[in-house]
Amino acid sequence: FEIKMGKFKRVCVYCGSKSGNRKIFSDAALDLGRELVERKMNLIYGGGNVGLMGLVAQTVFDGGCEVLGIIPKALVPIEISGQTVGVVAIVGDMHERKAEMARRADAFIALPGGYGTMEELLEMITWSQLGIHEKPVGLLNVDGYYNCLLGLFDKGVEEGFIRPSCRNIVVHAESAKELLQKMEVTLSPFSSLIDHKIKKKENSLKFFTIHAKWQCNS
């Protein structure tokens, strides 16, 4: 049995605190979790244990990989129900949450979700366009959920608001396996430095750990 090692050590997954109206979305979240485990990729996510985010987190944790959730104090009673998954860090506000998730991850993936998920995705695309980071950004387009958004990107290029070279910042696919394969091909030459930088700054975030259980796979 050969263990497949992915090129990213930590993947940030953006997704909804709801599961959607169709089972296909939950299935996609579980499938993404399994693909991360197969590649020995650890998870950075929003810290909740409900909806799609809860499914991804539990799957990755049960598979023996590390799970780090980062959540603002105000959202704890809304997005955490019962026992937490992995390590949960409580931060002051949404800005701190997003900044820490972005800093600690080697790549970003968005599952179907609402305004919050799309806002997080678009922020990472924008940061890439501005040269703030060089990490791959992936969109899991489950059953065409994001077809309209991708069409809007094309419209932005057509109307002169998005540079054609920036249209391909976001990588998209309908399955988790295909998406990760595409993202690994677009790996930044600077990605090998990311984990080193993360470790140097590891103590910058003060953790208020609700439940800590790390399983290291290095």
N, C-alpha and C. Protein backbone atom coordinates (compact mmCIF):
# COMPACT_ATOMS: atom_id res chain seq x y z
N PHE A 1 0.85 -1.20 0.00
CA PHE A 1 0.00 0.00 0.00
C PHE A 1 0.88 1.23 0.00
N GLU A 2 0.73 2.08 -1.01
CA GLU A 2 1.56 3.27 -1.16
C GLU A 2 0.79 4.50 -0.71
N ILE A 3 1.39 5.28 0.20
CA ILE A 3 0.76 6.50 0.67
C ILE A 3 1.04 7.62 -0.33
N LYS A 4 0.00 8.30 -0.76
CA LYS A 4 0.15 9.40 -1.69
C LYS A 4 0.33 10.69 -0.90
N MET A 5 1.44 11.37 -1.09
CA MET A 5 1.72 12.62 -0.40
C MET A 5 1.40 13.79 -1.32
N GLY A 6 0.55 14.69 -0.86
CA GLY A 6 0.22 15.86 -1.65
C GLY A 6 1.29 16.93 -1.56
N LYS A 7 1.21 17.90 -2.44
CA LYS A 7 2.21 18.97 -2.48
C LYS A 7 1.91 20.09 -1.49
N PHE A 8 0.71 20.09 -0.92
CA PHE A 8 0.34 21.09 0.06
C PHE A 8 0.28 20.45 1.44
N LYS A 9 0.86 21.09 2.42
CA LYS A 9 0.78 20.55 3.78
C LYS A 9 -0.53 20.94 4.45
N ARG A 10 -0.95 22.19 4.24
CA ARG A 10 -2.17 22.68 4.87
C ARG A 10 -3.06 23.33 3.82
N VAL A 11 -4.29 22.86 3.74
CA VAL A 11 -5.26 23.40 2.78
C VAL A 11 -6.38 24.08 3.55
N CYS A 12 -6.66 25.32 3.18
CA CYS A 12 -7.78 26.04 3.78
C CYS A 12 -9.02 25.79 2.94
N VAL A 13 -10.08 25.32 3.60
CA VAL A 13 -11.34 25.05 2.90
C VAL A 13 -12.40 26.03 3.37
N TYR A 14 -12.98 26.74 2.43
CA TYR A 14 -14.10 27.64 2.71
C TYR A 14 -15.38 26.93 2.32
N CYS A 15 -16.36 26.92 3.21
CA CYS A 15 -17.63 26.28 2.89
C CYS A 15 -18.70 26.74 3.87
N GLY A 16 -19.92 26.37 3.58
CA GLY A 16 -21.05 26.85 4.34
C GLY A 16 -21.25 26.15 5.68
N SER A 17 -21.90 26.88 6.58
CA SER A 17 -22.33 26.30 7.85
C SER A 17 -23.67 25.61 7.68
N LYS A 18 -24.15 25.57 6.45
CA LYS A 18 -25.35 24.81 6.09
C LYS A 18 -24.95 23.70 5.12
N SER A 19 -25.81 22.71 4.98
CA SER A 19 -25.49 21.57 4.12
C SER A 19 -26.12 21.66 2.74
N GLY A 20 -26.97 22.67 2.53
CA GLY A 20 -27.65 22.77 1.24
C GLY A 20 -28.88 21.88 1.20
N ASN A 21 -29.64 22.01 0.14
CA ASN A 21 -30.90 21.27 0.02
C ASN A 21 -30.77 19.91 -0.65
N ARG A 22 -29.58 19.61 -1.18
CA ARG A 22 -29.41 18.34 -1.88
C ARG A 22 -28.22 17.58 -1.34
N LYS A 23 -28.36 16.27 -1.33
CA LYS A 23 -27.34 15.38 -0.78
C LYS A 23 -26.02 15.49 -1.53
N ILE A 24 -26.05 15.91 -2.77
CA ILE A 24 -24.84 15.98 -3.59
C ILE A 24 -23.80 16.90 -2.98
N PHE A 25 -24.25 17.93 -2.25
CA PHE A 25 -23.31 18.86 -1.63
C PHE A 25 -22.61 18.22 -0.43
N SER A 26 -23.36 17.49 0.37
CA SER A 26 -22.75 16.77 1.50
C SER A 26 -21.79 15.71 1.00
N ASP A 27 -22.18 15.02 -0.05
CA ASP A 27 -21.30 13.99 -0.63
C ASP A 27 -19.99 14.61 -1.12
N ALA A 28 -20.09 15.79 -1.71
CA ALA A 28 -18.89 16.47 -2.21
C ALA A 28 -17.97 16.88 -1.07
N ALA A 29 -18.55 17.32 0.04
CA ALA A 29 -17.75 17.70 1.21
C ALA A 29 -17.02 16.50 1.78
N LEU A 30 -17.72 15.38 1.88
CA LEU A 30 -17.10 14.15 2.38
C LEU A 30 -15.99 13.68 1.44
N ASP A 31 -16.26 13.78 0.14
CA ASP A 31 -15.27 13.36 -0.85
C ASP A 31 -14.01 14.23 -0.78
N LEU A 32 -14.19 15.53 -0.59
CA LEU A 32 -13.04 16.42 -0.45
C LEU A 32 -12.22 16.05 0.78
N GLY A 33 -12.92 15.78 1.88
CA GLY A 33 -12.22 15.36 3.10
C GLY A 33 -11.39 14.11 2.88
N ARG A 34 -11.97 13.14 2.18
CA ARG A 34 -11.24 11.89 1.91
C ARG A 34 -10.03 12.12 1.01
N GLU A 35 -10.18 13.00 0.03
CA GLU A 35 -9.06 13.30 -0.87
C GLU A 35 -7.92 13.99 -0.12
N LEU A 36 -8.24 14.86 0.82
CA LEU A 36 -7.21 15.51 1.62
C LEU A 36 -6.47 14.48 2.47
N VAL A 37 -7.22 13.56 3.06
CA VAL A 37 -6.61 12.51 3.88
C VAL A 37 -5.71 11.62 3.03
N GLU A 38 -6.18 11.26 1.85
CA GLU A 38 -5.39 10.39 0.97
C GLU A 38 -4.05 11.02 0.62
N ARG A 39 -4.04 12.34 0.51
CA ARG A 39 -2.81 13.06 0.17
C ARG A 39 -2.05 13.55 1.40
N LYS A 40 -2.53 13.17 2.59
CA LYS A 40 -1.90 13.58 3.85
C LYS A 40 -1.83 15.11 3.97
N MET A 41 -2.90 15.75 3.58
CA MET A 41 -2.99 17.21 3.69
C MET A 41 -3.81 17.57 4.93
N ASN A 42 -3.29 18.47 5.74
CA ASN A 42 -3.99 18.93 6.93
C ASN A 42 -4.97 20.04 6.56
N LEU A 43 -5.94 20.25 7.45
CA LEU A 43 -7.04 21.17 7.15
C LEU A 43 -7.02 22.42 8.01
N ILE A 44 -7.20 23.57 7.36
CA ILE A 44 -7.50 24.84 8.02
C ILE A 44 -8.92 25.20 7.61
N TYR A 45 -9.78 25.51 8.57
CA TYR A 45 -11.16 25.84 8.19
C TYR A 45 -11.77 26.79 9.22
N GLY A 46 -13.05 27.08 9.05
CA GLY A 46 -13.70 28.11 9.85
C GLY A 46 -14.06 27.76 11.27
N GLY A 47 -13.80 26.53 11.70
CA GLY A 47 -13.95 26.17 13.10
C GLY A 47 -15.29 25.60 13.53
N GLY A 48 -16.31 25.70 12.70
CA GLY A 48 -17.61 25.16 13.08
C GLY A 48 -17.70 23.67 12.85
N ASN A 49 -18.69 23.05 13.48
CA ASN A 49 -18.87 21.61 13.29
C ASN A 49 -20.25 21.30 12.72
N VAL A 50 -20.83 22.28 12.06
CA VAL A 50 -22.14 22.10 11.44
C VAL A 50 -22.01 22.33 9.93
N GLY A 51 -23.01 21.88 9.18
CA GLY A 51 -23.02 22.10 7.74
C GLY A 51 -21.89 21.40 7.02
N LEU A 52 -21.56 21.91 5.85
CA LEU A 52 -20.49 21.31 5.05
C LEU A 52 -19.15 21.39 5.75
N MET A 53 -18.92 22.49 6.49
CA MET A 53 -17.62 22.62 7.17
C MET A 53 -17.44 21.53 8.21
N GLY A 54 -18.51 21.16 8.89
CA GLY A 54 -18.43 20.09 9.88
C GLY A 54 -18.12 18.75 9.24
N LEU A 55 -18.70 18.49 8.08
CA LEU A 55 -18.47 17.22 7.38
C LEU A 55 -17.02 17.10 6.92
N VAL A 56 -16.49 18.17 6.34
CA VAL A 56 -15.10 18.14 5.88
C VAL A 56 -14.16 17.94 7.06
N ALA A 57 -14.38 18.72 8.12
CA ALA A 57 -13.49 18.66 9.29
C ALA A 57 -13.49 17.29 9.94
N GLN A 58 -14.66 16.71 10.12
CA GLN A 58 -14.74 15.41 10.78
C GLN A 58 -14.09 14.32 9.93
N THR A 59 -14.27 14.39 8.62
CA THR A 59 -13.67 13.40 7.73
C THR A 59 -12.15 13.47 7.77
N VAL A 60 -11.60 14.68 7.73
CA VAL A 60 -10.15 14.84 7.78
C VAL A 60 -9.60 14.40 9.13
N PHE A 61 -10.28 14.77 10.20
CA PHE A 61 -9.83 14.40 11.54
C PHE A 61 -9.88 12.89 11.75
N ASP A 62 -10.98 12.26 11.33
CA ASP A 62 -11.12 10.81 11.46
C ASP A 62 -10.07 10.08 10.62
N GLY A 63 -9.61 10.72 9.56
CA GLY A 63 -8.60 10.11 8.70
C GLY A 63 -7.19 10.24 9.22
N GLY A 64 -7.02 10.90 10.37
CA GLY A 64 -5.71 10.99 11.00
C GLY A 64 -4.89 12.21 10.65
N CYS A 65 -5.49 13.17 9.96
CA CYS A 65 -4.77 14.41 9.64
C CYS A 65 -5.13 15.50 10.64
N GLU A 66 -4.32 16.55 10.66
CA GLU A 66 -4.54 17.65 11.59
C GLU A 66 -5.67 18.56 11.11
N VAL A 67 -6.44 19.04 12.06
CA VAL A 67 -7.54 19.96 11.76
C VAL A 67 -7.40 21.18 12.67
N LEU A 68 -7.33 22.35 12.07
CA LEU A 68 -7.29 23.60 12.82
C LEU A 68 -8.44 24.48 12.39
N GLY A 69 -9.35 24.76 13.31
CA GLY A 69 -10.47 25.65 13.05
C GLY A 69 -10.21 27.01 13.68
N ILE A 70 -10.52 28.06 12.96
CA ILE A 70 -10.33 29.42 13.46
C ILE A 70 -11.68 30.13 13.39
N ILE A 71 -12.18 30.57 14.54
CA ILE A 71 -13.53 31.09 14.59
C ILE A 71 -13.61 32.32 15.49
N PRO A 72 -14.35 33.35 15.08
CA PRO A 72 -14.54 34.52 15.94
C PRO A 72 -15.42 34.16 17.14
N LYS A 73 -15.17 34.80 18.25
CA LYS A 73 -15.90 34.51 19.48
C LYS A 73 -17.41 34.62 19.27
N ALA A 74 -17.85 35.60 18.50
CA ALA A 74 -19.28 35.84 18.31
C ALA A 74 -19.98 34.70 17.58
N LEU A 75 -19.23 33.91 16.81
CA LEU A 75 -19.85 32.83 16.03
C LEU A 75 -19.82 31.48 16.73
N VAL A 76 -19.17 31.39 17.88
CA VAL A 76 -19.07 30.11 18.59
C VAL A 76 -20.44 29.50 18.87
N PRO A 77 -21.41 30.26 19.44
CA PRO A 77 -22.71 29.65 19.72
C PRO A 77 -23.53 29.33 18.47
N ILE A 78 -23.14 29.89 17.33
CA ILE A 78 -23.89 29.69 16.09
C ILE A 78 -23.34 28.52 15.28
N GLU A 79 -22.01 28.41 15.21
CA GLU A 79 -21.39 27.44 14.31
C GLU A 79 -20.78 26.23 15.02
N ILE A 80 -20.82 26.21 16.36
CA ILE A 80 -20.32 25.05 17.09
C ILE A 80 -21.45 24.46 17.92
N SER A 81 -21.73 23.20 17.68
CA SER A 81 -22.76 22.48 18.42
C SER A 81 -22.17 21.20 18.97
N GLY A 82 -22.07 21.10 20.30
CA GLY A 82 -21.49 19.91 20.91
C GLY A 82 -19.98 19.92 20.84
N GLN A 83 -19.40 18.75 20.66
CA GLN A 83 -17.94 18.60 20.68
C GLN A 83 -17.32 19.17 19.41
N THR A 84 -16.21 19.89 19.60
CA THR A 84 -15.50 20.46 18.46
C THR A 84 -14.63 19.41 17.78
N VAL A 85 -14.10 19.77 16.62
CA VAL A 85 -13.27 18.86 15.83
C VAL A 85 -11.84 19.39 15.79
N GLY A 86 -10.89 18.57 16.21
CA GLY A 86 -9.49 18.98 16.17
C GLY A 86 -9.21 20.11 17.14
N VAL A 87 -8.38 21.05 16.72
CA VAL A 87 -8.04 22.22 17.52
C VAL A 87 -8.84 23.41 17.02
N VAL A 88 -9.46 24.12 17.93
CA VAL A 88 -10.24 25.30 17.58
C VAL A 88 -9.62 26.52 18.26
N ALA A 89 -9.27 27.51 17.48
CA ALA A 89 -8.72 28.77 18.00
C ALA A 89 -9.79 29.85 17.90
N ILE A 90 -10.08 30.49 19.01
CA ILE A 90 -11.06 31.57 19.03
C ILE A 90 -10.33 32.91 18.88
N VAL A 91 -10.76 33.69 17.91
CA VAL A 91 -10.14 34.99 17.65
C VAL A 91 -11.15 36.11 17.86
N GLY A 92 -10.68 37.34 17.75
CA GLY A 92 -11.52 38.48 18.09
C GLY A 92 -12.60 38.81 17.09
N ASP A 93 -12.30 38.71 15.80
CA ASP A 93 -13.28 39.13 14.80
C ASP A 93 -13.04 38.41 13.47
N MET A 94 -13.90 38.72 12.50
CA MET A 94 -13.82 38.06 11.20
C MET A 94 -12.53 38.39 10.46
N HIS A 95 -12.05 39.61 10.61
CA HIS A 95 -10.82 40.00 9.92
C HIS A 95 -9.64 39.16 10.39
N GLU A 96 -9.56 38.96 11.70
CA GLU A 96 -8.47 38.15 12.25
C GLU A 96 -8.61 36.70 11.81
N ARG A 97 -9.84 36.22 11.79
CA ARG A 97 -10.08 34.84 11.34
C ARG A 97 -9.55 34.63 9.93
N LYS A 98 -9.96 35.50 9.01
CA LYS A 98 -9.57 35.34 7.61
C LYS A 98 -8.08 35.50 7.41
N ALA A 99 -7.50 36.45 8.14
CA ALA A 99 -6.06 36.67 8.00
C ALA A 99 -5.26 35.46 8.47
N GLU A 100 -5.66 34.86 9.59
CA GLU A 100 -4.95 33.69 10.12
C GLU A 100 -5.14 32.48 9.22
N MET A 101 -6.35 32.28 8.71
CA MET A 101 -6.59 31.16 7.80
C MET A 101 -5.73 31.30 6.55
N ALA A 102 -5.67 32.52 6.02
CA ALA A 102 -4.89 32.76 4.80
C ALA A 102 -3.40 32.57 5.05
N ARG A 103 -2.92 33.05 6.17
CA ARG A 103 -1.49 33.00 6.46
C ARG A 103 -1.01 31.57 6.67
N ARG A 104 -1.83 30.74 7.27
CA ARG A 104 -1.40 29.40 7.65
C ARG A 104 -1.55 28.37 6.54
N ALA A 105 -2.31 28.68 5.52
CA ALA A 105 -2.60 27.69 4.47
C ALA A 105 -1.61 27.78 3.31
N ASP A 106 -1.44 26.65 2.63
CA ASP A 106 -0.62 26.57 1.42
C ASP A 106 -1.47 26.68 0.15
N ALA A 107 -2.79 26.48 0.30
CA ALA A 107 -3.70 26.53 -0.83
C ALA A 107 -5.11 26.72 -0.29
N PHE A 108 -6.02 27.14 -1.17
CA PHE A 108 -7.39 27.44 -0.76
C PHE A 108 -8.38 26.74 -1.68
N ILE A 109 -9.44 26.19 -1.07
CA ILE A 109 -10.51 25.55 -1.83
C ILE A 109 -11.85 26.04 -1.30
N ALA A 110 -12.75 26.39 -2.21
CA ALA A 110 -14.11 26.77 -1.82
C ALA A 110 -15.10 25.71 -2.29
N LEU A 111 -15.87 25.21 -1.34
CA LEU A 111 -17.02 24.35 -1.63
C LEU A 111 -18.23 25.25 -1.85
N PRO A 112 -19.37 24.70 -2.25
CA PRO A 112 -20.58 25.51 -2.31
C PRO A 112 -20.88 26.14 -0.95
N GLY A 113 -21.37 27.35 -0.98
CA GLY A 113 -21.70 28.07 0.25
C GLY A 113 -22.43 29.35 -0.09
N GLY A 114 -22.67 30.16 0.93
CA GLY A 114 -23.40 31.40 0.74
C GLY A 114 -22.49 32.60 0.59
N TYR A 115 -22.99 33.75 1.03
CA TYR A 115 -22.24 35.00 0.88
C TYR A 115 -20.86 34.93 1.52
N GLY A 116 -20.79 34.35 2.72
CA GLY A 116 -19.52 34.29 3.44
C GLY A 116 -18.47 33.49 2.68
N THR A 117 -18.88 32.34 2.16
CA THR A 117 -17.96 31.49 1.40
C THR A 117 -17.47 32.21 0.15
N MET A 118 -18.40 32.85 -0.54
CA MET A 118 -18.01 33.55 -1.77
C MET A 118 -17.13 34.75 -1.47
N GLU A 119 -17.40 35.44 -0.37
CA GLU A 119 -16.56 36.58 0.01
C GLU A 119 -15.14 36.15 0.31
N GLU A 120 -14.99 35.02 1.01
CA GLU A 120 -13.66 34.50 1.33
C GLU A 120 -12.92 34.08 0.06
N LEU A 121 -13.64 33.41 -0.83
CA LEU A 121 -13.04 33.00 -2.11
C LEU A 121 -12.57 34.21 -2.91
N LEU A 122 -13.44 35.20 -3.05
CA LEU A 122 -13.10 36.38 -3.85
C LEU A 122 -11.95 37.17 -3.24
N GLU A 123 -11.87 37.17 -1.92
CA GLU A 123 -10.76 37.87 -1.28
C GLU A 123 -9.42 37.21 -1.64
N MET A 124 -9.38 35.88 -1.63
CA MET A 124 -8.14 35.19 -1.98
C MET A 124 -7.78 35.38 -3.46
N ILE A 125 -8.80 35.42 -4.32
CA ILE A 125 -8.55 35.71 -5.73
C ILE A 125 -7.97 37.11 -5.88
N THR A 126 -8.58 38.07 -5.18
CA THR A 126 -8.11 39.45 -5.23
C THR A 126 -6.69 39.59 -4.71
N TRP A 127 -6.40 38.94 -3.59
CA TRP A 127 -5.05 39.00 -3.02
C TRP A 127 -4.03 38.42 -3.99
N SER A 128 -4.42 37.37 -4.71
CA SER A 128 -3.52 36.79 -5.71
C SER A 128 -3.28 37.79 -6.84
N GLN A 129 -4.35 38.43 -7.29
CA GLN A 129 -4.25 39.43 -8.36
C GLN A 129 -3.32 40.58 -7.96
N LEU A 130 -3.35 40.94 -6.67
CA LEU A 130 -2.54 42.05 -6.17
C LEU A 130 -1.12 41.62 -5.80
N GLY A 131 -0.85 40.33 -5.89
CA GLY A 131 0.48 39.83 -5.55
C GLY A 131 0.73 39.67 -4.07
N ILE A 132 -0.34 39.66 -3.26
CA ILE A 132 -0.19 39.50 -1.82
C ILE A 132 0.18 38.06 -1.48
N HIS A 133 -0.31 37.11 -2.26
CA HIS A 133 0.09 35.71 -2.08
C HIS A 133 0.22 35.05 -3.44
N GLU A 134 0.89 33.89 -3.47
CA GLU A 134 1.07 33.13 -4.70
C GLU A 134 0.61 31.69 -4.50
N LYS A 135 -0.44 31.53 -3.72
CA LYS A 135 -0.95 30.20 -3.39
C LYS A 135 -2.13 29.86 -4.31
N PRO A 136 -2.25 28.60 -4.71
CA PRO A 136 -3.34 28.19 -5.59
C PRO A 136 -4.71 28.39 -4.94
N VAL A 137 -5.67 28.80 -5.76
CA VAL A 137 -7.05 28.99 -5.31
C VAL A 137 -7.95 28.09 -6.15
N GLY A 138 -8.69 27.20 -5.48
CA GLY A 138 -9.53 26.24 -6.19
C GLY A 138 -11.00 26.40 -5.87
N LEU A 139 -11.83 26.11 -6.85
CA LEU A 139 -13.29 26.20 -6.70
C LEU A 139 -13.88 24.84 -7.03
N LEU A 140 -14.52 24.21 -6.04
CA LEU A 140 -15.16 22.91 -6.27
C LEU A 140 -16.58 23.18 -6.77
N ASN A 141 -16.74 23.10 -8.07
CA ASN A 141 -17.99 23.48 -8.73
C ASN A 141 -18.95 22.30 -8.79
N VAL A 142 -19.51 21.98 -7.64
CA VAL A 142 -20.38 20.80 -7.50
C VAL A 142 -21.67 20.98 -8.30
N ASP A 143 -21.89 20.09 -9.26
CA ASP A 143 -23.10 20.10 -10.07
C ASP A 143 -23.39 21.48 -10.66
N GLY A 144 -22.34 22.19 -11.03
CA GLY A 144 -22.51 23.49 -11.67
C GLY A 144 -22.93 24.61 -10.74
N TYR A 145 -22.77 24.41 -9.43
CA TYR A 145 -23.22 25.42 -8.46
C TYR A 145 -22.63 26.79 -8.75
N TYR A 146 -21.37 26.83 -9.17
CA TYR A 146 -20.69 28.11 -9.39
C TYR A 146 -20.62 28.51 -10.87
N ASN A 147 -21.43 27.90 -11.71
CA ASN A 147 -21.40 28.24 -13.13
C ASN A 147 -21.66 29.73 -13.38
N CYS A 148 -22.63 30.27 -12.65
CA CYS A 148 -22.97 31.68 -12.84
C CYS A 148 -21.83 32.59 -12.40
N LEU A 149 -21.16 32.22 -11.31
CA LEU A 149 -20.03 33.02 -10.84
C LEU A 149 -18.88 32.97 -11.85
N LEU A 150 -18.60 31.79 -12.37
CA LEU A 150 -17.56 31.66 -13.39
C LEU A 150 -17.93 32.45 -14.65
N GLY A 151 -19.22 32.45 -14.97
CA GLY A 151 -19.69 33.24 -16.10
C GLY A 151 -19.51 34.73 -15.86
N LEU A 152 -19.70 35.15 -14.61
CA LEU A 152 -19.49 36.55 -14.25
C LEU A 152 -18.03 36.95 -14.42
N PHE A 153 -17.13 36.03 -14.05
CA PHE A 153 -15.70 36.30 -14.27
C PHE A 153 -15.42 36.52 -15.76
N ASP A 154 -16.00 35.66 -16.59
CA ASP A 154 -15.82 35.79 -18.04
C ASP A 154 -16.38 37.13 -18.54
N LYS A 155 -17.53 37.52 -17.99
CA LYS A 155 -18.13 38.80 -18.36
C LYS A 155 -17.23 39.96 -17.96
N GLY A 156 -16.58 39.83 -16.80
CA GLY A 156 -15.66 40.86 -16.35
C GLY A 156 -14.49 41.04 -17.30
N VAL A 157 -14.00 39.92 -17.83
CA VAL A 157 -12.92 39.98 -18.82
C VAL A 157 -13.43 40.63 -20.10
N GLU A 158 -14.60 40.18 -20.55
CA GLU A 158 -15.18 40.68 -21.79
C GLU A 158 -15.40 42.19 -21.74
N GLU A 159 -15.82 42.70 -20.58
CA GLU A 159 -16.14 44.12 -20.45
C GLU A 159 -14.94 44.96 -20.00
N GLY A 160 -13.79 44.33 -19.83
CA GLY A 160 -12.59 45.08 -19.52
C GLY A 160 -12.34 45.39 -18.06
N PHE A 161 -13.04 44.69 -17.15
CA PHE A 161 -12.84 44.92 -15.72
C PHE A 161 -11.88 43.92 -15.08
N ILE A 162 -11.67 42.80 -15.72
CA ILE A 162 -10.74 41.78 -15.24
C ILE A 162 -9.73 41.50 -16.35
N ARG A 163 -8.46 41.56 -16.02
CA ARG A 163 -7.42 41.27 -17.01
C ARG A 163 -7.51 39.80 -17.42
N PRO A 164 -7.38 39.51 -18.71
CA PRO A 164 -7.44 38.11 -19.16
C PRO A 164 -6.46 37.21 -18.42
N SER A 165 -5.28 37.74 -18.08
CA SER A 165 -4.28 36.93 -17.38
C SER A 165 -4.72 36.57 -15.97
N CYS A 166 -5.66 37.35 -15.42
CA CYS A 166 -6.14 37.08 -14.05
C CYS A 166 -7.35 36.15 -14.03
N ARG A 167 -7.91 35.87 -15.21
CA ARG A 167 -9.09 35.01 -15.25
C ARG A 167 -8.78 33.61 -14.75
N ASN A 168 -7.54 33.18 -14.92
CA ASN A 168 -7.17 31.81 -14.56
C ASN A 168 -6.58 31.70 -13.15
N ILE A 169 -6.72 32.75 -12.35
CA ILE A 169 -6.25 32.65 -10.96
C ILE A 169 -6.96 31.52 -10.24
N VAL A 170 -8.26 31.44 -10.45
CA VAL A 170 -9.05 30.40 -9.78
C VAL A 170 -9.12 29.16 -10.67
N VAL A 171 -8.76 28.02 -10.08
CA VAL A 171 -8.84 26.72 -10.75
C VAL A 171 -10.16 26.07 -10.35
N HIS A 172 -10.87 25.48 -11.29
CA HIS A 172 -12.16 24.88 -10.92
C HIS A 172 -12.32 23.50 -11.53
N ALA A 173 -13.10 22.67 -10.84
CA ALA A 173 -13.40 21.32 -11.30
C ALA A 173 -14.64 20.84 -10.57
N GLU A 174 -15.26 19.77 -11.10
CA GLU A 174 -16.50 19.27 -10.50
C GLU A 174 -16.26 18.20 -9.45
N SER A 175 -15.04 17.66 -9.39
CA SER A 175 -14.73 16.65 -8.37
C SER A 175 -13.50 17.08 -7.59
N ALA A 176 -13.42 16.62 -6.34
CA ALA A 176 -12.30 16.98 -5.48
C ALA A 176 -10.98 16.45 -6.03
N LYS A 177 -11.00 15.23 -6.54
CA LYS A 177 -9.78 14.63 -7.06
C LYS A 177 -9.22 15.43 -8.23
N GLU A 178 -10.08 15.77 -9.17
CA GLU A 178 -9.64 16.54 -10.34
C GLU A 178 -9.16 17.92 -9.92
N LEU A 179 -9.86 18.54 -8.97
CA LEU A 179 -9.48 19.88 -8.53
C LEU A 179 -8.10 19.89 -7.90
N LEU A 180 -7.84 18.95 -7.00
CA LEU A 180 -6.53 18.90 -6.34
C LEU A 180 -5.42 18.59 -7.35
N GLN A 181 -5.71 17.74 -8.31
CA GLN A 181 -4.71 17.46 -9.35
C GLN A 181 -4.37 18.72 -10.13
N LYS A 182 -5.38 19.49 -10.49
CA LYS A 182 -5.15 20.74 -11.22
C LYS A 182 -4.37 21.74 -10.36
N MET A 183 -4.74 21.84 -9.09
CA MET A 183 -4.08 22.81 -8.20
C MET A 183 -2.62 22.45 -7.97
N GLU A 184 -2.32 21.16 -7.90
CA GLU A 184 -0.93 20.75 -7.68
C GLU A 184 -0.07 21.05 -8.90
N VAL A 185 -0.65 21.05 -10.07
CA VAL A 185 0.09 21.40 -11.29
C VAL A 185 0.42 22.88 -11.30
N THR A 186 -0.47 23.71 -10.72
CA THR A 186 -0.27 25.16 -10.71
C THR A 186 0.46 25.61 -9.45
N LEU A 187 1.16 24.70 -8.79
CA LEU A 187 1.88 25.01 -7.56
C LEU A 187 2.89 26.13 -7.77
N SER A 188 2.86 27.12 -6.88
CA SER A 188 3.80 28.24 -6.94
C SER A 188 5.21 27.78 -6.59
N PRO A 189 6.24 28.32 -7.25
CA PRO A 189 7.62 27.95 -6.91
C PRO A 189 8.02 28.39 -5.52
N PHE A 190 7.22 29.27 -4.92
CA PHE A 190 7.54 29.75 -3.58
C PHE A 190 6.83 28.96 -2.49
N SER A 191 6.01 27.97 -2.87
CA SER A 191 5.22 27.25 -1.88
C SER A 191 6.06 26.49 -0.88
N SER A 192 7.27 26.08 -1.26
CA SER A 192 8.12 25.34 -0.33
C SER A 192 8.55 26.19 0.84
N LEU A 193 8.45 27.52 0.69
CA LEU A 193 8.85 28.42 1.76
C LEU A 193 7.71 28.72 2.72
N ILE A 194 6.49 28.40 2.31
CA ILE A 194 5.33 28.80 3.09
C ILE A 194 5.32 28.17 4.47
N ASP A 195 5.54 26.86 4.54
CA ASP A 195 5.47 26.18 5.83
C ASP A 195 6.53 26.70 6.78
N HIS A 196 7.72 27.02 6.26
CA HIS A 196 8.79 27.56 7.11
C HIS A 196 8.36 28.89 7.70
N LYS A 197 7.74 29.74 6.88
CA LYS A 197 7.30 31.03 7.37
C LYS A 197 6.19 30.88 8.41
N ILE A 198 5.31 29.90 8.19
CA ILE A 198 4.23 29.66 9.14
C ILE A 198 4.79 29.28 10.49
N LYS A 199 5.77 28.36 10.50
CA LYS A 199 6.33 27.89 11.75
C LYS A 199 7.03 29.01 12.51
N LYS A 200 7.67 29.93 11.80
CA LYS A 200 8.36 31.03 12.46
C LYS A 200 7.37 31.95 13.17
N LYS A 201 6.13 32.00 12.65
CA LYS A 201 5.14 32.90 13.21
C LYS A 201 4.08 32.14 14.02
N GLU A 202 4.34 30.88 14.33
CA GLU A 202 3.33 30.02 14.94
C GLU A 202 2.76 30.58 16.23
N ASN A 203 3.56 31.33 16.97
CA ASN A 203 3.13 31.83 18.27
C ASN A 203 2.43 33.18 18.19
N SER A 204 2.24 33.72 16.97
CA SER A 204 1.63 35.04 16.86
C SER A 204 0.15 35.01 17.19
N LEU A 205 -0.49 33.87 17.06
CA LEU A 205 -1.90 33.74 17.39
C LEU A 205 -2.06 33.08 18.74
N LYS A 206 -2.74 33.74 19.66
CA LYS A 206 -2.97 33.18 20.98
C LYS A 206 -4.16 32.25 20.90
N PHE A 207 -3.91 30.98 21.20
CA PHE A 207 -4.97 29.99 21.10
C PHE A 207 -5.79 29.91 22.38
N PHE A 208 -7.08 29.86 22.22
CA PHE A 208 -7.99 29.52 23.30
C PHE A 208 -8.61 28.19 22.88
N THR A 209 -7.96 27.11 23.26
CA THR A 209 -8.32 25.79 22.76
C THR A 209 -9.51 25.22 23.51
N ILE A 210 -10.56 24.91 22.75
CA ILE A 210 -11.73 24.28 23.32
C ILE A 210 -11.48 22.78 23.46
N HIS A 211 -10.97 22.19 22.39
CA HIS A 211 -10.71 20.75 22.39
C HIS A 211 -9.49 20.50 21.52
N ALA A 212 -8.43 19.98 22.08
CA ALA A 212 -7.20 19.78 21.32
C ALA A 212 -6.83 18.32 21.25
N LYS A 213 -6.71 17.84 20.02
CA LYS A 213 -6.24 16.48 19.82
C LYS A 213 -5.58 16.41 18.45
N TRP A 214 -4.28 16.55 18.44
CA TRP A 214 -3.54 16.54 17.18
C TRP A 214 -3.03 15.14 16.87
N GLN A 215 -3.12 14.77 15.63
CA GLN A 215 -2.52 13.52 15.17
C GLN A 215 -1.54 13.89 14.06
N CYS A 216 -0.28 13.80 14.36
CA CYS A 216 0.75 14.28 13.44
C CYS A 216 1.09 13.22 12.41
N ASN A 217 1.21 13.66 11.18
CA ASN A 217 1.51 12.72 10.09
C ASN A 217 2.75 13.12 9.32
N SER A 218 3.66 13.78 10.00
CA SER A 218 4.87 14.20 9.31
C SER A 218 5.86 13.05 9.22
